Amino acid sequence: DTAAKHEPNQTQRQRQQLASIMMMMKKTYLRLLLLLGISRTARAWVHHTILPTIIHSNNHNNNRRRTAQPQLQNSYIDIDESAVRDVATFDEWAGTCGVQRSDGFRLTGDEDNNNMDVSVVTTEDLPAQSPVLFVPHEMILSARQSLLEIGQLNEAERRLVSANAAKHVPKFYLFLRILQEFEQGDASPWFPWFNALPRYYSNGASMTPFCFECLPPLAASLAMAERIKFIQFFQALKYVDFLSDEVKGSKELAKWAFAVVYTRGFGTPDGDFCVTPMADMFNHAAEPDVELTYDEDGNCCVYTVRDVPAGQPLCLQYADPTNPSFLFARYGFLDESCNASFCKIMIKQPSPQLVDLGYDHSRMLFTKDTGDVSPEVWDVLLYQILEAEDPAVQQQFYQAHMQGDDETKQAIHNHYFAQTSVALSNHVDTFLRELQVLQSKGAGKDVAEHPRLPLIMQHNEFVEETFLAVQSNLAQYAYA
């Protein structure tokens, strides 16, 4: 009994000693960097000798603890959604670990709001193609490396494959690595980064079932897909033996780790998927300022893609900016910088001919400011109309499109313009009525119970503005 009583304290002391040793090694690493200057050769020597020793020391302790079923101590981060993000400590830690930044690179956040949103700005002018950020590969958490370090988990993989989630298996291992490092508390080398991450997310996985009822079909299906994917990951945790029961049983912790992977990770040219501390602090913009790449050694390098004046945020492009519904579902924000968005004409199984004509969420576009309609929308609508009215002309229209015969295409468009404009007007009018119903569902609901609801309402208003602009243009066609 006495031994059992003192074992937690002993374990805590061991973790504190390990953390102290690791911090001392990191400070030694920083001093070496300062002594060696900015020589690329010198940097490479330090990155391949000192920092790997720190990480290897931690991974050795990971392996020792895998079968020990560790209990959570008081040193892990607070994942409460209102917790303060410790950005200052993270910023210092990043420099200690070898992250290099351009002059003027700054992290900024709203301290009065617990640093809920942190972004990168430059205080100095940056010409195009300027290096902005370098993150050594030892700091990067990758799906491929996570699988190598954890080892293949056959039962968990079978569970995901049986749930039609085979393509998400690599990210599942990265998800496990995040949980594994979380469980180590401040003994993890990544603890300062974890403590600077958001706790509050508005992605699809974080939404309540009622949230999906208030979204248009495309946004709802995309958000629901994120939620289902999270549930599959959480259920697969029961087949993971190296995490404690406390960690595996916490749905809120799993939701946080899932969000870290899917909202802060990016694919690499060689097919891996990585979460890169510091590089994950760039916000999104439809017209990006910087581009993220990985060199042959796996280091993360960020460069400007255009001239950036001092005082401006530095932003990446996370995904296709013409599909704000995907950005909303995956990342949990509304990209109001995007002027064009999908027209919401949903075809469950488009034929190859419709795909050839341009049926794609990134091409079937409405423009918010002008109400313009992309040519692909008109082409797809006309092709569907001709299927019922005149299959021979439908085939002629398709062949003209494939052969680049714009004159024949335009002639057919002119002949059937009344039908296609009516069909498009009906679609727009119907969708706007559906939006009003969706908005009425959310009116007056308790935000404390559904905290993502205001963002959902904002999303719907953004879509409504776009459709109203298109509706106005179509009305002018009717009176022309």
Protein backbone atom coordinates (compact mmCIF):
# COMPACT_ATOMS: atom_id res chain seq x y z
CA ASP A 1 0.00 0.00 0.00
CA THR A 2 2.79 2.39 0.86
CA ALA A 3 4.53 1.73 -2.45
CA ALA A 4 1.28 2.26 -4.33
CA LYS A 5 0.65 5.45 -2.39
CA HIS A 6 4.02 6.99 -3.33
CA GLU A 7 4.22 5.72 -6.93
CA PRO A 8 2.31 8.65 -8.53
CA ASN A 9 4.57 11.18 -6.78
CA GLN A 10 7.65 9.29 -7.95
CA THR A 11 6.35 9.20 -11.51
CA GLN A 12 5.63 12.92 -11.37
CA ARG A 13 9.17 13.63 -10.13
CA GLN A 14 10.60 11.53 -12.97
CA ARG A 15 8.57 13.47 -15.50
CA GLN A 16 9.68 16.78 -14.03
CA GLN A 17 13.31 15.66 -14.11
CA LEU A 18 12.96 14.57 -17.75
CA ALA A 19 11.32 17.87 -18.65
CA SER A 20 14.17 19.78 -16.95
CA ILE A 21 16.80 17.77 -18.82
CA MET A 22 15.03 18.32 -22.12
CA MET A 23 14.72 22.06 -21.53
CA MET A 24 18.44 22.24 -20.71
CA MET A 25 19.23 20.38 -23.96
CA LYS A 26 17.00 22.75 -25.92
CA LYS A 27 18.77 25.78 -24.40
CA THR A 28 22.11 24.22 -25.33
CA TYR A 29 20.78 23.78 -28.85
CA LEU A 30 19.83 27.46 -29.04
CA ARG A 31 23.25 28.56 -27.79
CA LEU A 32 24.88 26.40 -30.47
CA LEU A 33 22.76 28.04 -33.13
CA LEU A 34 23.78 31.46 -31.92
CA LEU A 35 27.47 30.51 -31.82
CA LEU A 36 27.39 28.88 -35.24
CA GLY A 37 25.52 31.77 -36.86
CA ILE A 38 23.24 31.28 -39.85
CA SER A 39 25.47 28.96 -41.89
CA ARG A 40 23.33 26.40 -43.70
CA THR A 41 25.96 23.70 -43.12
CA ALA A 42 26.13 24.52 -39.44
CA ARG A 43 22.35 24.51 -39.13
CA ALA A 44 22.18 21.13 -40.82
CA TRP A 45 24.78 19.72 -38.39
CA VAL A 46 22.85 20.93 -35.35
CA HIS A 47 19.49 19.78 -36.73
CA HIS A 48 20.87 16.29 -37.41
CA THR A 49 22.71 15.84 -34.10
CA ILE A 50 21.31 17.83 -31.18
CA LEU A 51 17.56 18.03 -31.91
CA PRO A 52 17.20 14.35 -32.95
CA THR A 53 18.79 13.43 -29.61
CA ILE A 54 16.05 15.37 -27.81
CA ILE A 55 13.30 13.73 -29.86
CA HIS A 56 14.86 10.26 -29.59
CA SER A 57 15.02 10.60 -25.82
CA ASN A 58 11.33 11.37 -25.76
CA ASN A 59 10.43 8.54 -28.17
CA HIS A 60 12.38 6.07 -26.01
CA ASN A 61 10.18 7.07 -23.10
CA ASN A 62 7.10 6.75 -25.36
CA ASN A 63 7.95 3.12 -26.08
CA ARG A 64 8.59 2.34 -22.43
CA ARG A 65 5.15 3.73 -21.51
CA ARG A 66 3.14 2.12 -24.32
CA THR A 67 2.29 -1.00 -22.32
CA ALA A 68 2.16 0.70 -18.92
CA GLN A 69 -1.34 2.21 -19.29
CA PRO A 70 -0.25 5.57 -17.82
CA GLN A 71 -2.70 7.55 -15.74
CA LEU A 72 -3.33 11.22 -16.50
CA GLN A 73 -1.43 13.58 -14.23
CA ASN A 74 -1.96 17.27 -13.53
CA SER A 75 0.58 18.37 -16.15
CA TYR A 76 -1.48 17.99 -19.32
CA ILE A 77 -2.99 20.99 -21.06
CA ASP A 78 -6.45 22.32 -20.33
CA ILE A 79 -8.68 21.56 -23.34
CA ASP A 80 -11.63 23.54 -22.01
CA GLU A 81 -12.94 25.70 -24.85
CA SER A 82 -12.36 28.87 -22.81
CA ALA A 83 -8.74 28.05 -21.92
CA VAL A 84 -6.12 30.71 -22.67
CA ARG A 85 -3.67 29.98 -25.48
CA ASP A 86 -0.10 30.49 -24.23
CA VAL A 87 1.37 31.92 -27.44
CA ALA A 88 4.35 33.68 -25.84
CA THR A 89 5.85 30.48 -24.41
CA PHE A 90 5.25 28.67 -27.71
CA ASP A 91 6.98 31.48 -29.62
CA GLU A 92 10.05 31.17 -27.39
CA TRP A 93 10.01 27.36 -27.61
CA ALA A 94 9.88 27.47 -31.41
CA GLY A 95 13.04 29.55 -31.57
CA THR A 96 14.73 27.20 -29.12
CA CYS A 97 13.94 24.24 -31.36
CA GLY A 98 15.41 25.78 -34.49
CA VAL A 99 12.47 27.53 -36.16
CA GLN A 100 13.79 30.42 -38.26
CA ARG A 101 11.68 33.41 -39.26
CA SER A 102 12.02 36.42 -41.50
CA ASP A 103 12.64 39.81 -39.90
CA GLY A 104 9.26 41.24 -39.03
CA PHE A 105 7.54 37.84 -38.61
CA ARG A 106 5.14 38.20 -35.68
CA LEU A 107 2.38 36.15 -34.06
CA THR A 108 -0.56 38.29 -33.06
CA GLY A 109 -3.76 37.51 -31.18
CA ASP A 110 -6.60 39.07 -29.26
CA GLU A 111 -5.35 38.85 -25.67
CA ASP A 112 -8.65 40.17 -24.33
CA ASN A 113 -10.34 37.10 -25.87
CA ASN A 114 -7.86 34.46 -24.62
CA ASN A 115 -6.01 34.58 -27.96
CA MET A 116 -8.91 32.70 -29.54
CA ASP A 117 -7.60 33.65 -32.99
CA VAL A 118 -3.85 33.85 -33.56
CA SER A 119 -2.38 34.82 -36.91
CA VAL A 120 0.89 35.78 -38.57
CA VAL A 121 1.71 39.33 -39.67
CA THR A 122 4.84 40.98 -41.03
CA THR A 123 6.11 44.27 -39.64
CA GLU A 124 8.50 44.70 -42.56
CA ASP A 125 8.04 44.76 -46.35
CA LEU A 126 8.59 41.34 -47.94
CA PRO A 127 9.32 41.06 -51.67
CA ALA A 128 7.90 38.11 -53.62
CA GLN A 129 9.82 34.83 -53.17
CA SER A 130 11.22 35.94 -49.82
CA PRO A 131 11.85 33.17 -47.25
CA VAL A 132 9.40 33.62 -44.39
CA LEU A 133 9.65 30.51 -42.21
CA PHE A 134 11.81 27.42 -41.77
CA VAL A 135 10.71 24.55 -39.50
CA PRO A 136 13.13 21.61 -39.04
CA HIS A 137 11.67 18.22 -39.87
CA GLU A 138 12.26 16.91 -36.33
CA MET A 139 9.52 19.23 -35.07
CA ILE A 140 6.96 18.11 -37.65
CA LEU A 141 4.37 15.47 -36.77
CA SER A 142 3.54 13.36 -39.80
CA ALA A 143 1.10 10.54 -40.51
CA ARG A 144 3.82 8.35 -42.01
CA GLN A 145 6.23 8.79 -39.10
CA SER A 146 3.40 8.25 -36.62
CA LEU A 147 2.68 4.85 -38.16
CA LEU A 148 6.36 3.89 -38.00
CA GLU A 149 6.68 4.88 -34.35
CA ILE A 150 3.38 3.46 -33.15
CA GLY A 151 3.39 0.31 -35.25
CA GLN A 152 0.49 -1.07 -37.27
CA LEU A 153 -2.73 -1.56 -35.31
CA ASN A 154 -4.56 -4.24 -37.26
CA GLU A 155 -7.78 -4.28 -35.24
CA ALA A 156 -8.19 -0.52 -35.34
CA GLU A 157 -7.49 -0.48 -39.08
CA ARG A 158 -10.05 -3.23 -39.69
CA ARG A 159 -12.60 -1.19 -37.78
CA LEU A 160 -11.98 1.84 -39.98
CA VAL A 161 -11.94 -0.17 -43.21
CA SER A 162 -15.25 -1.82 -42.32
CA ALA A 163 -16.70 1.69 -41.82
CA ASN A 164 -15.57 2.71 -45.33
CA ALA A 165 -12.88 4.95 -43.84
CA ALA A 166 -9.80 3.21 -45.28
CA LYS A 167 -8.50 6.41 -46.89
CA HIS A 168 -8.42 8.09 -43.47
CA VAL A 169 -6.21 5.44 -41.82
CA PRO A 170 -2.93 7.42 -42.20
CA LYS A 171 -4.47 10.44 -40.48
CA PHE A 172 -5.78 8.14 -37.75
CA TYR A 173 -2.18 7.34 -36.79
CA LEU A 174 -1.39 11.06 -36.65
CA PHE A 175 -4.49 11.48 -34.48
CA LEU A 176 -3.12 8.79 -32.15
CA ARG A 177 0.25 10.51 -32.02
CA ILE A 178 -1.40 13.74 -30.91
CA LEU A 179 -3.19 11.85 -28.12
CA GLN A 180 0.02 10.05 -27.15
CA GLU A 181 1.92 13.32 -26.81
CA PHE A 182 -0.99 14.93 -24.94
CA GLU A 183 -0.93 12.10 -22.43
CA GLN A 184 2.69 12.83 -21.57
CA GLY A 185 1.76 16.30 -20.39
CA ASP A 186 4.66 18.71 -20.00
CA ALA A 187 7.11 15.83 -20.51
CA SER A 188 6.24 15.97 -24.21
CA PRO A 189 8.59 18.12 -26.32
CA TRP A 190 5.50 19.47 -28.05
CA PHE A 191 3.79 20.63 -24.85
CA PRO A 192 4.40 24.39 -25.47
CA TRP A 193 2.89 24.04 -28.95
CA PHE A 194 -0.12 22.12 -27.65
CA ASN A 195 -0.69 24.81 -25.03
CA ALA A 196 -0.78 27.48 -27.75
CA LEU A 197 -3.34 25.68 -29.92
CA PRO A 198 -7.04 26.61 -30.04
CA ARG A 199 -9.42 24.68 -27.82
CA TYR A 200 -12.55 26.01 -29.51
CA TYR A 201 -13.33 24.78 -33.02
CA SER A 202 -16.37 25.25 -35.24
CA ASN A 203 -15.69 22.52 -37.78
CA GLY A 204 -18.26 19.89 -38.71
CA ALA A 205 -16.99 17.44 -36.10
CA SER A 206 -17.78 19.96 -33.33
CA MET A 207 -21.37 20.66 -34.39
CA THR A 208 -24.51 19.38 -32.69
CA PRO A 209 -27.11 17.35 -34.65
CA PHE A 210 -29.36 20.42 -34.69
CA CYS A 211 -26.63 22.39 -36.48
CA PHE A 212 -26.89 20.14 -39.51
CA GLU A 213 -30.63 20.82 -39.72
CA CYS A 214 -29.89 24.54 -40.19
CA LEU A 215 -27.45 24.15 -43.08
CA PRO A 216 -28.09 23.96 -46.86
CA PRO A 217 -27.64 20.48 -48.41
CA LEU A 218 -24.04 20.80 -49.58
CA ALA A 219 -22.70 22.40 -46.38
CA ALA A 220 -24.74 19.96 -44.26
CA SER A 221 -23.40 16.91 -46.11
CA LEU A 222 -19.80 18.12 -45.88
CA ALA A 223 -20.11 18.97 -42.19
CA MET A 224 -21.82 15.66 -41.45
CA ALA A 225 -19.00 13.82 -43.22
CA GLU A 226 -16.52 15.44 -40.82
CA ARG A 227 -18.67 14.44 -37.85
CA ILE A 228 -18.95 10.83 -39.06
CA LYS A 229 -15.20 10.65 -39.62
CA PHE A 230 -14.59 11.83 -36.05
CA ILE A 231 -17.01 9.23 -34.66
CA GLN A 232 -15.18 6.51 -36.61
CA PHE A 233 -11.86 7.62 -35.13
CA PHE A 234 -13.28 7.73 -31.61
CA GLN A 235 -14.82 4.27 -31.90
CA ALA A 236 -11.55 2.84 -33.22
CA LEU A 237 -9.76 4.00 -30.05
CA LYS A 238 -11.09 0.96 -28.18
CA TYR A 239 -8.62 -1.15 -30.23
CA VAL A 240 -5.61 0.94 -29.16
CA ASP A 241 -3.81 -0.55 -26.16
CA PHE A 242 -1.05 1.99 -25.48
CA LEU A 243 -3.34 4.87 -24.46
CA SER A 244 -4.89 5.07 -21.02
CA ASP A 245 -8.59 4.45 -20.50
CA GLU A 246 -9.00 8.10 -19.46
CA VAL A 247 -7.65 9.30 -22.79
CA LYS A 248 -9.55 6.75 -24.89
CA GLY A 249 -12.79 7.48 -23.07
CA SER A 250 -12.73 11.26 -23.41
CA LYS A 251 -14.81 12.29 -26.41
CA GLU A 252 -13.93 15.96 -25.91
CA LEU A 253 -10.21 15.18 -25.94
CA ALA A 254 -10.62 13.03 -29.05
CA LYS A 255 -12.57 15.82 -30.73
CA TRP A 256 -9.77 18.27 -29.94
CA ALA A 257 -7.07 15.94 -31.30
CA PHE A 258 -9.17 15.31 -34.42
CA ALA A 259 -9.46 19.05 -34.98
CA VAL A 260 -5.71 19.53 -34.56
CA VAL A 261 -5.07 16.97 -37.32
CA TYR A 262 -7.72 18.05 -39.80
CA THR A 263 -7.72 21.83 -39.35
CA ARG A 264 -3.97 22.34 -38.95
CA GLY A 265 -2.47 19.68 -41.20
CA PHE A 266 -1.46 19.77 -44.87
CA GLY A 267 -0.53 17.19 -47.46
CA THR A 268 3.02 16.93 -48.77
CA PRO A 269 4.21 16.36 -52.36
CA ASP A 270 5.24 12.77 -51.53
CA GLY A 271 1.78 11.85 -50.22
CA ASP A 272 2.39 12.26 -46.50
CA PHE A 273 0.21 14.43 -44.23
CA CYS A 274 1.87 16.70 -41.67
CA VAL A 275 1.06 19.06 -38.84
CA THR A 276 3.84 21.63 -38.60
CA PRO A 277 4.19 23.82 -35.49
CA MET A 278 4.36 27.54 -36.35
CA ALA A 279 3.41 26.94 -39.99
CA ASP A 280 -0.05 26.02 -38.67
CA MET A 281 -0.48 29.59 -37.42
CA PHE A 282 -1.01 31.07 -40.90
CA ASN A 283 -4.63 31.97 -41.58
CA HIS A 284 -6.42 31.30 -44.88
CA ALA A 285 -7.09 33.73 -47.71
CA ALA A 286 -8.57 33.21 -51.17
CA GLU A 287 -5.58 35.15 -52.54
CA PRO A 288 -2.62 33.88 -50.50
CA ASP A 289 0.53 35.78 -49.56
CA VAL A 290 2.70 32.74 -48.84
CA GLU A 291 3.15 29.16 -50.00
CA LEU A 292 4.17 26.18 -47.87
CA THR A 293 6.60 23.59 -49.23
CA TYR A 294 8.77 20.75 -47.92
CA ASP A 295 12.39 20.26 -49.00
CA GLU A 296 14.12 16.94 -49.73
CA ASP A 297 14.95 16.48 -46.03
CA GLY A 298 11.35 17.00 -44.93
CA ASN A 299 11.91 20.49 -43.50
CA CYS A 300 9.04 22.93 -43.92
CA CYS A 301 9.81 26.10 -45.88
CA VAL A 302 7.44 29.01 -46.42
CA TYR A 303 7.97 31.71 -49.06
CA THR A 304 6.01 34.76 -50.17
CA VAL A 305 4.23 34.44 -53.52
CA ARG A 306 3.84 38.19 -54.00
CA ASP A 307 5.07 41.46 -52.54
CA VAL A 308 3.68 41.91 -49.02
CA PRO A 309 3.75 45.36 -47.39
CA ALA A 310 4.56 45.85 -43.71
CA GLY A 311 1.60 45.52 -41.38
CA GLN A 312 -0.26 42.97 -43.51
CA PRO A 313 -1.27 39.46 -42.37
CA LEU A 314 0.54 36.56 -44.02
CA CYS A 315 -1.99 34.01 -45.25
CA LEU A 316 -2.01 30.60 -46.92
CA GLN A 317 -4.66 29.14 -49.18
CA TYR A 318 -5.96 26.07 -47.33
CA ALA A 319 -8.14 24.71 -50.13
CA ASP A 320 -10.18 25.66 -53.19
CA PRO A 321 -11.49 29.16 -52.43
CA THR A 322 -14.51 28.69 -54.74
CA ASN A 323 -16.01 26.20 -52.30
CA PRO A 324 -16.52 28.10 -49.03
CA SER A 325 -18.84 25.32 -47.84
CA PHE A 326 -15.91 22.88 -47.71
CA LEU A 327 -13.77 25.40 -45.83
CA PHE A 328 -16.67 25.95 -43.45
CA ALA A 329 -17.18 22.22 -42.81
CA ARG A 330 -13.52 21.20 -42.56
CA TYR A 331 -11.96 24.21 -40.87
CA GLY A 332 -14.91 25.89 -39.18
CA PHE A 333 -14.71 29.41 -40.59
CA LEU A 334 -16.51 31.44 -43.24
CA ASP A 335 -14.30 32.67 -46.05
CA GLU A 336 -15.94 35.98 -46.93
CA SER A 337 -12.96 36.92 -49.11
CA CYS A 338 -14.23 34.44 -51.68
CA ASN A 339 -16.32 36.22 -54.31
CA ALA A 340 -17.39 33.11 -56.23
CA SER A 341 -19.05 30.01 -54.82
CA PHE A 342 -20.75 26.82 -55.95
CA CYS A 343 -24.21 27.33 -57.41
CA LYS A 344 -25.73 24.53 -55.22
CA ILE A 345 -27.09 22.55 -58.18
CA MET A 346 -26.72 19.11 -56.61
CA ILE A 347 -26.42 16.08 -58.92
CA LYS A 348 -25.72 12.92 -56.94
CA GLN A 349 -24.20 10.87 -59.73
CA PRO A 350 -23.28 13.16 -62.63
CA SER A 351 -22.74 11.38 -65.95
CA PRO A 352 -19.33 11.55 -67.67
CA GLN A 353 -20.91 13.96 -70.16
CA LEU A 354 -21.95 16.35 -67.39
CA VAL A 355 -18.46 16.20 -65.91
CA ASP A 356 -17.00 16.98 -69.34
CA LEU A 357 -19.34 19.96 -69.60
CA GLY A 358 -18.01 21.30 -66.31
CA TYR A 359 -20.09 19.81 -63.50
CA ASP A 360 -17.70 20.43 -60.61
CA HIS A 361 -18.07 22.39 -57.38
CA SER A 362 -15.09 24.53 -58.36
CA ARG A 363 -16.51 25.46 -61.79
CA MET A 364 -20.29 25.73 -61.34
CA LEU A 365 -20.08 29.19 -59.81
CA PHE A 366 -22.17 32.20 -58.82
CA THR A 367 -20.37 35.50 -58.23
CA LYS A 368 -21.38 37.33 -55.06
CA ASP A 369 -20.61 40.94 -56.02
CA THR A 370 -21.96 40.93 -59.58
CA GLY A 371 -24.43 38.04 -59.65
CA ASP A 372 -22.65 36.54 -62.66
CA VAL A 373 -23.21 32.89 -63.59
CA SER A 374 -20.31 30.79 -64.90
CA PRO A 375 -20.65 29.27 -68.40
CA GLU A 376 -20.53 25.77 -66.91
CA VAL A 377 -23.83 26.39 -65.09
CA TRP A 378 -25.57 27.30 -68.34
CA ASP A 379 -23.99 24.33 -70.16
CA VAL A 380 -25.05 21.78 -67.54
CA LEU A 381 -28.60 23.13 -67.31
CA LEU A 382 -29.05 23.15 -71.09
CA TYR A 383 -27.72 19.62 -71.43
CA GLN A 384 -30.26 18.40 -68.87
CA ILE A 385 -33.10 20.26 -70.62
CA LEU A 386 -32.17 18.81 -74.01
CA GLU A 387 -32.22 15.30 -72.60
CA ALA A 388 -36.01 15.60 -72.31
CA GLU A 389 -36.73 17.94 -75.22
CA ASP A 390 -34.42 16.82 -78.03
CA PRO A 391 -31.78 14.09 -77.46
CA ALA A 392 -30.39 14.61 -80.97
CA VAL A 393 -29.66 18.27 -80.28
CA GLN A 394 -28.31 17.26 -76.88
CA GLN A 395 -25.72 15.05 -78.59
CA GLN A 396 -24.94 17.83 -81.08
CA PHE A 397 -24.41 20.27 -78.20
CA TYR A 398 -22.11 17.84 -76.39
CA GLN A 399 -20.02 17.16 -79.49
CA ALA A 400 -19.71 20.89 -80.18
CA HIS A 401 -18.42 21.36 -76.63
CA MET A 402 -15.89 18.54 -76.92
CA GLN A 403 -14.66 19.77 -80.30
CA GLY A 404 -14.41 23.41 -79.25
CA ASP A 405 -17.12 24.49 -81.68
CA ASP A 406 -18.20 27.59 -79.77
CA GLU A 407 -20.33 28.89 -82.65
CA THR A 408 -22.60 25.83 -82.66
CA LYS A 409 -22.77 25.81 -78.86
CA GLN A 410 -23.80 29.46 -78.74
CA ALA A 411 -26.44 28.96 -81.41
CA ILE A 412 -28.05 26.16 -79.38
CA HIS A 413 -27.82 28.28 -76.23
CA ASN A 414 -29.56 31.17 -77.98
CA HIS A 415 -32.36 28.93 -79.21
CA TYR A 416 -33.07 27.46 -75.75
CA PHE A 417 -32.20 30.51 -73.63
CA ALA A 418 -35.78 30.99 -72.43
CA GLN A 419 -35.91 27.45 -71.04
CA THR A 420 -32.50 27.55 -69.38
CA SER A 421 -33.08 30.97 -67.80
CA VAL A 422 -36.43 29.79 -66.40
CA ALA A 423 -34.82 26.62 -65.04
CA LEU A 424 -32.05 28.63 -63.39
CA SER A 425 -34.53 31.16 -61.97
CA ASN A 426 -36.59 28.33 -60.49
CA HIS A 427 -33.49 26.84 -58.88
CA VAL A 428 -32.45 30.20 -57.38
CA ASP A 429 -35.95 31.03 -56.13
CA THR A 430 -36.42 27.59 -54.59
CA PHE A 431 -33.06 27.69 -52.87
CA LEU A 432 -33.74 31.12 -51.40
CA ARG A 433 -37.04 29.90 -49.96
CA GLU A 434 -35.25 26.91 -48.44
CA LEU A 435 -32.66 29.21 -46.91
CA GLN A 436 -35.40 31.25 -45.22
CA VAL A 437 -36.76 28.05 -43.67
CA LEU A 438 -33.29 27.09 -42.44
CA GLN A 439 -32.72 30.53 -40.94
CA SER A 440 -36.06 30.41 -39.15
CA LYS A 441 -35.06 27.13 -37.49
CA GLY A 442 -32.10 28.77 -35.81
CA ALA A 443 -33.89 31.95 -34.75
CA GLY A 444 -34.27 32.23 -30.99
CA LYS A 445 -32.30 29.08 -30.15
CA ASP A 446 -30.08 28.99 -27.08
CA VAL A 447 -26.54 29.83 -28.22
CA ALA A 448 -25.13 28.26 -25.06
CA GLU A 449 -26.60 24.94 -26.19
CA HIS A 450 -25.60 25.43 -29.84
CA PRO A 451 -22.53 27.73 -29.77
CA ARG A 452 -21.77 27.19 -33.48
CA LEU A 453 -25.21 28.40 -34.53
CA PRO A 454 -24.24 32.09 -35.02
CA LEU A 455 -21.54 31.04 -37.50
CA ILE A 456 -24.05 28.82 -39.31
CA MET A 457 -26.49 31.71 -39.58
CA GLN A 458 -23.67 33.90 -40.89
CA HIS A 459 -22.82 31.24 -43.48
CA ASN A 460 -26.42 31.12 -44.67
CA GLU A 461 -26.60 34.90 -44.92
CA PHE A 462 -23.43 34.90 -47.03
CA VAL A 463 -24.95 32.33 -49.41
CA GLU A 464 -28.22 34.27 -49.49
CA GLU A 465 -26.45 37.47 -50.58
CA THR A 466 -24.86 35.61 -53.47
CA PHE A 467 -28.16 34.10 -54.62
CA LEU A 468 -29.97 37.42 -54.34
CA ALA A 469 -27.39 39.00 -56.65
CA VAL A 470 -27.94 36.21 -59.18
CA GLN A 471 -31.72 36.52 -58.81
CA SER A 472 -31.49 40.24 -59.59
CA ASN A 473 -29.54 39.56 -62.77
CA LEU A 474 -31.96 36.88 -63.93
CA ALA A 475 -34.86 39.25 -63.39
CA GLN A 476 -33.21 41.70 -65.77
CA TYR A 477 -32.94 38.96 -68.41
CA ALA A 478 -36.68 38.28 -68.04
CA TYR A 479 -37.54 41.92 -68.74
CA ALA A 480 -34.96 42.37 -71.51
